[in-house]
PDB file of N, CA and C in Angstrom:
ATOM      1  N   MET A   1      16.476  16.222  21.485  1.00  0.00           N
ATOM      2  CA  MET A   1      15.635  16.705  20.318  1.00  0.00           C
ATOM      3  C   MET A   1      14.843  17.869  20.671  1.00  0.00           C
ATOM      4  N   ASN A   2      14.921  18.912  19.868  1.00  0.00           N
ATOM      5  CA  ASN A   2      14.116  20.092  20.185  1.00  0.00           C
ATOM      6  C   ASN A   2      12.629  19.881  19.949  1.00  0.00           C
ATOM      7  N   GLY A   3      11.747  20.853  20.387  1.00  0.00           N
ATOM      8  CA  GLY A   3      10.371  20.714  20.305  1.00  0.00           C
ATOM      9  C   GLY A   3       9.828  20.482  18.834  1.00  0.00           C
ATOM     10  N   ARG A   4      10.411  21.265  17.901  1.00  0.00           N
ATOM     11  CA  ARG A   4       9.987  21.139  16.510  1.00  0.00           C
ATOM     12  C   ARG A   4      10.310  19.745  15.954  1.00  0.00           C
ATOM     13  N   ALA A   5      11.460  19.251  16.213  1.00  0.00           N
ATOM     14  CA  ALA A   5      11.833  17.980  15.730  1.00  0.00           C
ATOM     15  C   ALA A   5      10.943  16.855  16.337  1.00  0.00           C
ATOM     16  N   SER A   6      10.613  17.017  17.618  1.00  0.00           N
ATOM     17  CA  SER A   6       9.759  16.048  18.315  1.00  0.00           C
ATOM     18  C   SER A   6       8.446  16.092  17.796  1.00  0.00           C
ATOM     19  N   LYS A   7       7.925  17.239  17.504  1.00  0.00           N
ATOM     20  CA  LYS A   7       6.494  17.411  16.837  1.00  0.00           C
ATOM     21  C   LYS A   7       6.502  16.720  15.449  1.00  0.00           C
ATOM     22  N   ARG A   8       7.529  16.963  14.769  1.00  0.00           N
ATOM     23  CA  ARG A   8       7.628  16.420  13.380  1.00  0.00           C
ATOM     24  C   ARG A   8       7.682  14.884  13.461  1.00  0.00           C
ATOM     25  N   LYS A   9       8.419  14.347  14.413  1.00  0.00           N
ATOM     26  CA  LYS A   9       8.542  12.843  14.567  1.00  0.00           C
ATOM     27  C   LYS A   9       7.157  12.285  14.906  1.00  0.00           C
ATOM     28  N   GLY A  10       6.434  12.953  15.820  1.00  0.00           N
ATOM     29  CA  GLY A  10       5.114  12.473  16.227  1.00  0.00           C
ATOM     30  C   GLY A  10       4.151  12.586  15.001  1.00  0.00           C
ATOM     31  N   ASN A  11       4.147  13.676  14.216  1.00  0.00           N
ATOM     32  CA  ASN A  11       3.249  13.815  13.083  1.00  0.00           C
ATOM     33  C   ASN A  11       3.484  12.728  12.053  1.00  0.00           C
ATOM     34  N   THR A  12       4.768  12.445  11.793  1.00  0.00           N
ATOM     35  CA  THR A  12       5.198  11.462  10.865  1.00  0.00           C
ATOM     36  C   THR A  12       4.665  10.089  11.312  1.00  0.00           C
ATOM     37  N   PHE A  13       4.805   9.803  12.583  1.00  0.00           N
ATOM     38  CA  PHE A  13       4.284   8.531  13.075  1.00  0.00           C
ATOM     39  C   PHE A  13       2.802   8.378  12.966  1.00  0.00           C
ATOM     40  N   GLU A  14       1.986   9.504  13.253  1.00  0.00           N
ATOM     41  CA  GLU A  14       0.633   9.461  13.121  1.00  0.00           C
ATOM     42  C   GLU A  14       0.229   9.149  11.641  1.00  0.00           C
ATOM     43  N   ARG A  15       0.887   9.809  10.638  1.00  0.00           N
ATOM     44  CA  ARG A  15       0.619   9.564   9.284  1.00  0.00           C
ATOM     45  C   ARG A  15       0.949   8.054   8.875  1.00  0.00           C
ATOM     46  N   GLU A  16       2.023   7.529   9.441  1.00  0.00           N
ATOM     47  CA  GLU A  16       2.425   6.188   9.156  1.00  0.00           C
ATOM     48  C   GLU A  16       1.277   5.244   9.620  1.00  0.00           C
ATOM     49  N   CYS A  17       0.760   5.476  10.824  1.00  0.00           N
ATOM     50  CA  CYS A  17      -0.320   4.709  11.362  1.00  0.00           C
ATOM     51  C   CYS A  17      -1.528   4.743  10.553  1.00  0.00           C
ATOM     52  N   VAL A  18      -1.888   5.889  10.098  1.00  0.00           N
ATOM     53  CA  VAL A  18      -3.130   6.041   9.269  1.00  0.00           C
ATOM     54  C   VAL A  18      -2.833   5.410   7.907  1.00  0.00           C
ATOM     55  N   ASN A  19      -1.764   5.620   7.352  1.00  0.00           N
ATOM     56  CA  ASN A  19      -1.521   5.059   5.965  1.00  0.00           C
ATOM     57  C   ASN A  19      -1.455   3.510   5.998  1.00  0.00           C
ATOM     58  N   GLN A  20      -0.932   2.898   7.111  1.00  0.00           N
ATOM     59  CA  GLN A  20      -0.910   1.515   7.175  1.00  0.00           C
ATOM     60  C   GLN A  20      -2.294   0.913   7.280  1.00  0.00           C
ATOM     61  N   ALA A  21      -3.082   1.646   8.115  1.00  0.00           N
ATOM     62  CA  ALA A  21      -4.518   1.218   8.241  1.00  0.00           C
ATOM     63  C   ALA A  21      -5.261   1.273   6.878  1.00  0.00           C
ATOM     64  N   LYS A  22      -5.023   2.334   6.110  1.00  0.00           N
ATOM     65  CA  LYS A  22      -5.671   2.459   4.813  1.00  0.00           C
ATOM     66  C   LYS A  22      -5.138   1.361   3.866  1.00  0.00           C
ATOM     67  N   ILE A  23      -3.927   1.042   3.891  1.00  0.00           N
ATOM     68  CA  ILE A  23      -3.404   0.030   3.082  1.00  0.00           C
ATOM     69  C   ILE A  23      -4.142  -1.346   3.370  1.00  0.00           C
ATOM     70  N   GLU A  24      -4.410  -1.528   4.644  1.00  0.00           N
ATOM     71  CA  GLU A  24      -5.107  -2.817   5.078  1.00  0.00           C
ATOM     72  C   GLU A  24      -6.612  -2.739   4.899  1.00  0.00           C
ATOM     73  N   GLY A  25      -7.099  -1.654   4.375  1.00  0.00           N
ATOM     74  CA  GLY A  25      -8.595  -1.540   3.977  1.00  0.00           C
ATOM     75  C   GLY A  25      -9.453  -0.879   5.050  1.00  0.00           C
ATOM     76  N   PHE A  26      -8.892  -0.190   6.002  1.00  0.00           N
ATOM     77  CA  PHE A  26      -9.637   0.466   7.021  1.00  0.00           C
ATOM     78  C   PHE A  26      -9.837   1.895   6.731  1.00  0.00           C
ATOM     79  N   GLU A  27     -10.930   2.451   7.266  1.00  0.00           N
ATOM     80  CA  GLU A  27     -11.091   3.785   7.182  1.00  0.00           C
ATOM     81  C   GLU A  27     -10.293   4.444   8.271  1.00  0.00           C
ATOM     82  N   ALA A  28      -9.466   5.390   7.977  1.00  0.00           N
ATOM     83  CA  ALA A  28      -8.600   5.982   8.947  1.00  0.00           C
ATOM     84  C   ALA A  28      -8.339   7.474   8.613  1.00  0.00           C
ATOM     85  N   LYS A  29      -8.270   8.245   9.690  1.00  0.00           N
ATOM     86  CA  LYS A  29      -7.932   9.636   9.519  1.00  0.00           C
ATOM     87  C   LYS A  29      -7.132  10.239  10.691  1.00  0.00           C
ATOM     88  N   ARG A  30      -6.315  11.204  10.408  1.00  0.00           N
ATOM     89  CA  ARG A  30      -5.564  11.867  11.390  1.00  0.00           C
ATOM     90  C   ARG A  30      -6.243  13.133  11.883  1.00  0.00           C
ATOM     91  N   ALA A  31      -6.214  13.452  13.197  1.00  0.00           N
ATOM     92  CA  ALA A  31      -6.856  14.641  13.655  1.00  0.00           C
ATOM     93  C   ALA A  31      -6.037  15.786  13.129  1.00  0.00           C
ATOM     94  N   TYR A  32      -6.692  16.863  12.816  1.00  0.00           N
ATOM     95  CA  TYR A  32      -6.063  18.088  12.398  1.00  0.00           C
ATOM     96  C   TYR A  32      -5.155  18.570  13.556  1.00  0.00           C
ATOM     97  N   ALA A  33      -3.958  18.903  13.338  1.00  0.00           N
ATOM     98  CA  ALA A  33      -3.004  19.446  14.337  1.00  0.00           C
ATOM     99  C   ALA A  33      -2.908  18.477  15.564  1.00  0.00           C
ATOM    100  N   SER A  34      -3.058  17.193  15.280  1.00  0.00           N
ATOM    101  CA  SER A  34      -3.071  16.129  16.360  1.00  0.00           C
ATOM    102  C   SER A  34      -3.943  16.528  17.565  1.00  0.00           C
ATOM    103  N   ASN A  35      -5.100  17.155  17.222  1.00  0.00           N
ATOM    104  CA  ASN A  35      -6.050  17.571  18.227  1.00  0.00           C
ATOM    105  C   ASN A  35      -7.347  16.731  17.991  1.00  0.00           C
ATOM    106  N   GLY A  36      -7.656  15.910  18.923  1.00  0.00           N
ATOM    107  CA  GLY A  36      -8.866  15.105  18.739  1.00  0.00           C
ATOM    108  C   GLY A  36     -10.130  15.816  18.644  1.00  0.00           C
ATOM    109  N   LEU A  37     -10.123  17.071  19.175  1.00  0.00           N
ATOM    110  CA  LEU A  37     -11.355  17.897  19.176  1.00  0.00           C
ATOM    111  C   LEU A  37     -11.827  18.099  17.720  1.00  0.00           C
ATOM    112  N   SER A  38     -10.870  18.090  16.764  1.00  0.00           N
ATOM    113  CA  SER A  38     -11.307  18.231  15.320  1.00  0.00           C
ATOM    114  C   SER A  38     -12.070  17.009  14.821  1.00  0.00           C
ATOM    115  N   LEU A  39     -11.899  15.922  15.583  1.00  0.00           N
ATOM    116  CA  LEU A  39     -12.618  14.586  15.174  1.00  0.00           C
ATOM    117  C   LEU A  39     -13.831  14.530  16.068  1.00  0.00           C
ATOM    118  N   GLY A  40     -14.034  15.320  17.028  1.00  0.00           N
ATOM    119  CA  GLY A  40     -15.177  15.192  17.966  1.00  0.00           C
ATOM    120  C   GLY A  40     -14.836  14.370  19.158  1.00  0.00           C
ATOM    121  N   TYR A  41     -13.572  14.225  19.442  1.00  0.00           N
ATOM    122  CA  TYR A  41     -13.032  13.490  20.727  1.00  0.00           C
ATOM    123  C   TYR A  41     -12.298  14.411  21.572  1.00  0.00           C
ATOM    124  N   THR A  42     -11.627  13.871  22.574  1.00  0.00           N
ATOM    125  CA  THR A  42     -10.777  14.723  23.465  1.00  0.00           C
ATOM    126  C   THR A  42      -9.496  15.108  22.774  1.00  0.00           C
ATOM    127  N   GLU A  43      -8.800  16.092  23.232  1.00  0.00           N
ATOM    128  CA  GLU A  43      -7.568  16.584  22.633  1.00  0.00           C
ATOM    129  C   GLU A  43      -6.580  15.567  22.456  1.00  0.00           C
ATOM    130  N   GLU A  44      -6.506  14.505  23.334  1.00  0.00           N
ATOM    131  CA  GLU A  44      -5.451  13.453  23.305  1.00  0.00           C
ATOM    132  C   GLU A  44      -5.543  12.567  22.176  1.00  0.00           C
ATOM    133  N   VAL A  45      -6.686  12.400  21.446  1.00  0.00           N
ATOM    134  CA  VAL A  45      -6.861  11.540  20.328  1.00  0.00           C
ATOM    135  C   VAL A  45      -6.112  12.109  19.126  1.00  0.00           C
ATOM    136  N   ASP A  46      -5.242  11.283  18.562  1.00  0.00           N
ATOM    137  CA  ASP A  46      -4.454  11.667  17.399  1.00  0.00           C
ATOM    138  C   ASP A  46      -4.964  11.137  16.128  1.00  0.00           C
ATOM    139  N   VAL A  47      -5.535   9.938  16.040  1.00  0.00           N
ATOM    140  CA  VAL A  47      -6.055   9.345  14.842  1.00  0.00           C
ATOM    141  C   VAL A  47      -7.330   8.519  15.203  1.00  0.00           C
ATOM    142  N   LEU A  48      -8.051   8.330  14.092  1.00  0.00           N
ATOM    143  CA  LEU A  48      -9.316   7.525  14.216  1.00  0.00           C
ATOM    144  C   LEU A  48      -9.210   6.378  13.122  1.00  0.00           C
ATOM    145  N   ILE A  49      -9.132   5.197  13.705  1.00  0.00           N
ATOM    146  CA  ILE A  49      -8.910   3.983  12.792  1.00  0.00           C
ATOM    147  C   ILE A  49     -10.106   3.057  12.995  1.00  0.00           C
ATOM    148  N   ASP A  50     -10.868   2.841  11.990  1.00  0.00           N
ATOM    149  CA  ASP A  50     -12.028   1.922  11.992  1.00  0.00           C
ATOM    150  C   ASP A  50     -12.952   2.400  13.074  1.00  0.00           C
ATOM    151  N   GLY A  51     -13.127   3.691  13.289  1.00  0.00           N
ATOM    152  CA  GLY A  51     -14.017   4.222  14.247  1.00  0.00           C
ATOM    153  C   GLY A  51     -13.511   4.238  15.663  1.00  0.00           C
ATOM    154  N   ILE A  52     -12.289   3.858  15.867  1.00  0.00           N
ATOM    155  CA  ILE A  52     -11.689   3.771  17.147  1.00  0.00           C
ATOM    156  C   ILE A  52     -10.686   4.957  17.426  1.00  0.00           C
ATOM    157  N   PRO A  53     -10.953   5.733  18.413  1.00  0.00           N
ATOM    158  CA  PRO A  53     -10.065   6.873  18.660  1.00  0.00           C
ATOM    159  C   PRO A  53      -8.738   6.368  19.420  1.00  0.00           C
ATOM    160  N   ILE A  54      -7.667   6.768  18.803  1.00  0.00           N
ATOM    161  CA  ILE A  54      -6.335   6.204  19.271  1.00  0.00           C
ATOM    162  C   ILE A  54      -5.294   7.467  19.501  1.00  0.00           C
ATOM    163  N   GLN A  55      -4.604   7.323  20.541  1.00  0.00           N
ATOM    164  CA  GLN A  55      -3.381   8.179  20.701  1.00  0.00           C
ATOM    165  C   GLN A  55      -2.164   7.487  20.167  1.00  0.00           C
ATOM    166  N   CYS A  56      -1.319   8.120  19.465  1.00  0.00           N
ATOM    167  CA  CYS A  56      -0.101   7.596  18.974  1.00  0.00           C
ATOM    168  C   CYS A  56       1.111   8.149  19.727  1.00  0.00           C
ATOM    169  N   LYS A  57       1.986   7.272  20.135  1.00  0.00           N
ATOM    170  CA  LYS A  57       3.224   7.677  20.935  1.00  0.00           C
ATOM    171  C   LYS A  57       4.361   6.967  20.305  1.00  0.00           C
ATOM    172  N   ARG A  58       5.396   7.666  19.945  1.00  0.00           N
ATOM    173  CA  ARG A  58       6.578   7.163  19.412  1.00  0.00           C
ATOM    174  C   ARG A  58       7.775   7.567  20.389  1.00  0.00           C
ATOM    175  N   ARG A  59       8.561   6.602  20.649  1.00  0.00           N
ATOM    176  CA  ARG A  59       9.721   6.970  21.624  1.00  0.00           C
ATOM    177  C   ARG A  59      10.998   6.273  20.919  1.00  0.00           C
ATOM    178  N   LYS A  60      12.112   6.839  21.341  1.00  0.00           N
ATOM    179  CA  LYS A  60      13.333   6.351  20.885  1.00  0.00           C
ATOM    180  C   LYS A  60      13.493   4.845  21.294  1.00  0.00           C
ATOM    181  N   LYS A  61      13.149   4.535  22.563  1.00  0.00           N
ATOM    182  CA  LYS A  61      13.177   3.189  22.987  1.00  0.00           C
ATOM    183  C   LYS A  61      12.043   2.930  23.978  1.00  0.00           C
ATOM    184  N   ILE A  62      11.384   1.748  23.846  1.00  0.00           N
ATOM    185  CA  ILE A  62      10.359   1.506  24.870  1.00  0.00           C
ATOM    186  C   ILE A  62      10.852   0.266  25.693  1.00  0.00           C
ATOM    187  N   ALA A  63      10.260   0.200  26.836  1.00  0.00           N
ATOM    188  CA  ALA A  63      10.632  -0.884  27.770  1.00  0.00           C
ATOM    189  C   ALA A  63      10.539  -2.290  27.117  1.00  0.00           C
ATOM    190  N   ARG A  64      11.547  -3.098  27.269  1.00  0.00           N
ATOM    191  CA  ARG A  64      11.549  -4.420  26.708  1.00  0.00           C
ATOM    192  C   ARG A  64      10.327  -5.215  27.214  1.00  0.00           C
ATOM    193  N   TRP A  65      10.024  -5.047  28.460  1.00  0.00           N
ATOM    194  CA  TRP A  65       8.918  -5.813  29.014  1.00  0.00           C
ATOM    195  C   TRP A  65       7.593  -5.549  28.429  1.00  0.00           C
ATOM    196  N   LEU A  66       7.396  -4.412  27.717  1.00  0.00           N
ATOM    197  CA  LEU A  66       6.254  -4.049  27.087  1.00  0.00           C
ATOM    198  C   LEU A  66       6.031  -4.739  25.738  1.00  0.00           C
ATOM    199  N   LYS A  67       7.133  -5.301  25.210  1.00  0.00           N
ATOM    200  CA  LYS A  67       7.091  -5.981  23.916  1.00  0.00           C
ATOM    201  C   LYS A  67       6.730  -7.442  24.039  1.00  0.00           C
ATOM    202  N   PRO A  68       5.786  -7.929  23.284  1.00  0.00           N
ATOM    203  CA  PRO A  68       5.511  -9.372  23.359  1.00  0.00           C
ATOM    204  C   PRO A  68       6.808 -10.203  23.039  1.00  0.00           C
ATOM    205  N   PRO A  69       7.028 -11.217  23.917  1.00  0.00           N
ATOM    206  CA  PRO A  69       8.146 -12.042  23.706  1.00  0.00           C
ATOM    207  C   PRO A  69       7.892 -13.065  22.541  1.00  0.00           C
ATOM    208  N   VAL A  70       9.084 -13.663  22.168  1.00  0.00           N
ATOM    209  CA  VAL A  70       8.848 -14.680  21.042  1.00  0.00           C
ATOM    210  C   VAL A  70       7.955 -15.720  21.582  1.00  0.00           C
ATOM    211  N   GLY A  71       6.961 -16.121  20.721  1.00  0.00           N
ATOM    212  CA  GLY A  71       5.912 -17.095  21.109  1.00  0.00           C
ATOM    213  C   GLY A  71       4.650 -16.517  21.620  1.00  0.00           C
ATOM    214  N   ALA A  72       4.701 -15.282  22.016  1.00  0.00           N
ATOM    215  CA  ALA A  72       3.355 -14.632  22.485  1.00  0.00           C
ATOM    216  C   ALA A  72       2.970 -13.606  21.444  1.00  0.00           C
ATOM    217  N   GLU A  73       1.611 -13.401  21.396  1.00  0.00           N
ATOM    218  CA  GLU A  73       1.117 -12.417  20.387  1.00  0.00           C
ATOM    219  C   GLU A  73       0.850 -11.087  21.065  1.00  0.00           C
ATOM    220  N   ALA A  74       0.851 -11.008  22.347  1.00  0.00           N
ATOM    221  CA  ALA A  74       0.477  -9.813  23.045  1.00  0.00           C
ATOM    222  C   ALA A  74       0.915  -9.777  24.477  1.00  0.00           C
ATOM    223  N   VAL A  75       0.882  -8.667  25.099  1.00  0.00           N
ATOM    224  CA  VAL A  75       1.217  -8.505  26.520  1.00  0.00           C
ATOM    225  C   VAL A  75       0.037  -7.873  27.172  1.00  0.00           C
ATOM    226  N   LEU A  76      -0.388  -8.329  28.355  1.00  0.00           N
ATOM    227  CA  LEU A  76      -1.321  -7.670  29.108  1.00  0.00           C
ATOM    228  C   LEU A  76      -0.652  -7.060  30.328  1.00  0.00           C
ATOM    229  N   VAL A  77      -0.930  -5.762  30.540  1.00  0.00           N
ATOM    230  CA  VAL A  77      -0.380  -5.025  31.743  1.00  0.00           C
ATOM    231  C   VAL A  77      -1.418  -4.389  32.513  1.00  0.00           C
ATOM    232  N   ARG A  78      -1.171  -4.197  33.771  1.00  0.00           N
ATOM    233  CA  ARG A  78      -2.069  -3.489  34.693  1.00  0.00           C
ATOM    234  C   ARG A  78      -1.271  -2.981  35.825  1.00  0.00           C
ATOM    235  N   GLU A  79      -1.603  -1.805  36.253  1.00  0.00           N
ATOM    236  CA  GLU A  79      -1.074  -1.271  37.527  1.00  0.00           C
ATOM    237  C   GLU A  79      -1.972  -1.724  38.636  1.00  0.00           C
ATOM    238  N   ASP A  80      -1.507  -1.847  39.898  1.00  0.00           N
ATOM    239  CA  ASP A  80      -2.323  -2.324  40.918  1.00  0.00           C
ATOM    240  C   ASP A  80      -3.495  -1.571  41.059  1.00  0.00           C
ATOM    241  N   HIS A  81      -4.748  -2.234  41.098  1.00  0.00           N
ATOM    242  CA  HIS A  81      -6.022  -1.633  41.208  1.00  0.00           C
ATOM    243  C   HIS A  81      -6.422  -0.877  40.068  1.00  0.00           C
ATOM    244  N   GLY A  82      -5.770  -1.081  38.900  1.00  0.00           N
ATOM    245  CA  GLY A  82      -6.069  -0.277  37.672  1.00  0.00           C
ATOM    246  C   GLY A  82      -6.682  -1.168  36.573  1.00  0.00           C
ATOM    247  N   GLU A  83      -6.821  -0.530  35.414  1.00  0.00           N
ATOM    248  CA  GLU A  83      -7.300  -1.109  34.209  1.00  0.00           C
ATOM    249  C   GLU A  83      -6.234  -2.013  33.539  1.00  0.00           C
ATOM    250  N   THR A  84      -6.706  -3.067  32.930  1.00  0.00           N
ATOM    251  CA  THR A  84      -5.766  -3.920  32.189  1.00  0.00           C
ATOM    252  C   THR A  84      -5.688  -3.467  30.716  1.00  0.00           C
ATOM    253  N   TYR A  85      -4.512  -3.410  30.186  1.00  0.00           N
ATOM    254  CA  TYR A  85      -4.262  -3.040  28.788  1.00  0.00           C
ATOM    255  C   TYR A  85      -3.600  -4.123  27.977  1.00  0.00           C
ATOM    256  N   LEU A  86      -3.924  -4.246  26.696  1.00  0.00           N
ATOM    257  CA  LEU A  86      -3.323  -5.219  25.830  1.00  0.00           C
ATOM    258  C   LEU A  86      -2.335  -4.474  24.934  1.00  0.00           C
ATOM    259  N   ILE A  87      -1.194  -5.010  24.830  1.00  0.00           N
ATOM    260  CA  ILE A  87      -0.144  -4.433  23.925  1.00  0.00           C
ATOM    261  C   ILE A  87       0.192  -5.549  22.868  1.00  0.00           C
ATOM    262  N   GLN A  88       0.036  -5.214  21.715  1.00  0.00           N
ATOM    263  CA  GLN A  88       0.391  -6.169  20.620  1.00  0.00           C
ATOM    264  C   GLN A  88       0.814  -5.403  19.359  1.00  0.00           C
ATOM    265  N   PRO A  89       1.525  -6.063  18.525  1.00  0.00           N
ATOM    266  CA  PRO A  89       1.982  -5.468  17.353  1.00  0.00           C
ATOM    267  C   PRO A  89       0.903  -4.826  16.515  1.00  0.00           C
ATOM    268  N   TYR A  90       1.150  -3.645  16.024  1.00  0.00           N
ATOM    269  CA  TYR A  90       0.062  -2.957  15.326  1.00  0.00           C
ATOM    270  C   TYR A  90      -0.568  -3.691  14.087  1.00  0.00           C
ATOM    271  N   LYS A  91       0.336  -4.259  13.295  1.00  0.00           N
ATOM    272  CA  LYS A  91      -0.083  -5.102  12.137  1.00  0.00           C
ATOM    273  C   LYS A  91      -0.825  -6.243  12.587  1.00  0.00           C
ATOM    274  N   ALA A  92      -0.573  -6.862  13.699  1.00  0.00           N
ATOM    275  CA  ALA A  92      -1.346  -7.974  14.206  1.00  0.00           C
ATOM    276  C   ALA A  92      -2.830  -7.541  14.628  1.00  0.00           C
ATOM    277  N   TRP A  93      -2.876  -6.369  15.233  1.00  0.00           N
ATOM    278  CA  TRP A  93      -4.168  -5.743  15.630  1.00  0.00           C
ATOM    279  C   TRP A  93      -4.989  -5.498  14.392  1.00  0.00           C
ATOM    280  N   LEU A  94      -4.331  -4.886  13.334  1.00  0.00           N
ATOM    281  CA  LEU A  94      -5.137  -4.661  12.131  1.00  0.00           C
ATOM    282  C   LEU A  94      -5.545  -5.963  11.447  1.00  0.00           C
ATOM    283  N   ALA A  95      -4.656  -6.935  11.444  1.00  0.00           N
ATOM    284  CA  ALA A  95      -5.093  -8.233  10.915  1.00  0.00           C
ATOM    285  C   ALA A  95      -6.252  -8.842  11.695  1.00  0.00           C
ATOM    286  N   SER A  96      -6.221  -8.725  12.975  1.00  0.00           N
ATOM    287  CA  SER A  96      -7.479  -9.300  13.759  1.00  0.00           C
ATOM    288  C   SER A  96      -8.645  -8.556  13.521  1.00  0.00           C
ATOM    289  N   ARG A  97      -8.581  -7.272  13.204  1.00  0.00           N
ATOM    290  CA  ARG A  97      -9.854  -6.542  12.918  1.00  0.00           C
ATOM    291  C   ARG A  97     -10.160  -6.681  11.439  1.00  0.00           C
ATOM    292  N   GLY A  98      -9.263  -7.256  10.660  1.00  0.00           N
ATOM    293  CA  GLY A  98      -9.584  -7.390   9.256  1.00  0.00           C
ATOM    294  C   GLY A  98     -10.714  -8.242   8.930  1.00  0.00           C
ATOM    295  N   ASP A  99     -10.939  -9.226   9.746  1.00  0.00           N
ATOM    296  CA  ASP A  99     -12.100 -10.127   9.703  1.00  0.00           C
ATOM    297  C   ASP A  99     -13.461  -9.348   9.652  1.00  0.00           C
ATOM    298  N   THR A 100     -13.505  -8.286  10.476  1.00  0.00           N
ATOM    299  CA  THR A 100     -14.760  -7.498  10.558  1.00  0.00           C
ATOM    300  C   THR A 100     -14.888  -6.733   9.234  1.00  0.00           C
ATOM    301  N   ILE A 101     -13.837  -6.320   8.634  1.00  0.00           N
ATOM    302  CA  ILE A 101     -13.977  -5.663   7.286  1.00  0.00           C
ATOM    303  C   ILE A 101     -14.550  -6.560   6.279  1.00  0.00           C
ATOM    304  N   SER A 102     -13.988  -7.752   6.245  1.00  0.00           N
ATOM    305  CA  SER A 102     -14.402  -8.771   5.231  1.00  0.00           C
ATOM    306  C   SER A 102     -15.873  -9.164   5.483  1.00  0.00           C
ATOM    307  N   ASP A 103     -16.279  -9.346   6.658  1.00  0.00           N
ATOM    308  CA  ASP A 103     -17.608  -9.634   7.055  1.00  0.00           C
ATOM    309  C   ASP A 103     -18.605  -8.556   6.640  1.00  0.00           C
ATOM    310  N   SER A 104     -18.255  -7.300   6.690  1.00  0.00           N
ATOM    311  CA  SER A 104     -19.069  -6.204   6.405  1.00  0.00           C
ATOM    312  C   SER A 104     -19.178  -5.900   4.926  1.00  0.00           C
ATOM    313  N   LYS A 105     -18.352  -6.485   4.049  1.00  0.00           N
ATOM    314  CA  LYS A 105     -18.442  -6.185   2.665  1.00  0.00           C
ATOM    315  C   LYS A 105     -19.292  -7.135   1.943  1.00  0.00           C
TER     316      LYS A 105
END
C-alpha cells in the first residue's frame, strides 16, 4: 500500500471511531490533519472522545493474542517493567462509559 492509500485508510478509521462515539452519545472530534496539536495535545493524538485523547491505529491484521478470547471482555498486556494496558472491543468501552453520560444528563 502506498503512502497516500495508507493515509486515506487511517483517516477513514479515525472518522469511523468519531462517528461511532457520536452515535453512542459522546462528544467526539477528530484532530485536524490527524495532528493532536490542533486539539491542544501532542501530535500523536488523532481523536478526542469524551475528553480522552486517543491515537487510532488500523492494521491489516493484528496479533491474535491481543484480541480478547471468547468468554473474556478484555486483555491486559504489559512489557517487563512497563505499564499495563487494557485492550477491549471499542463498542464495549463506549458502553462502559455510557453510564457516565446517563449520570451526567
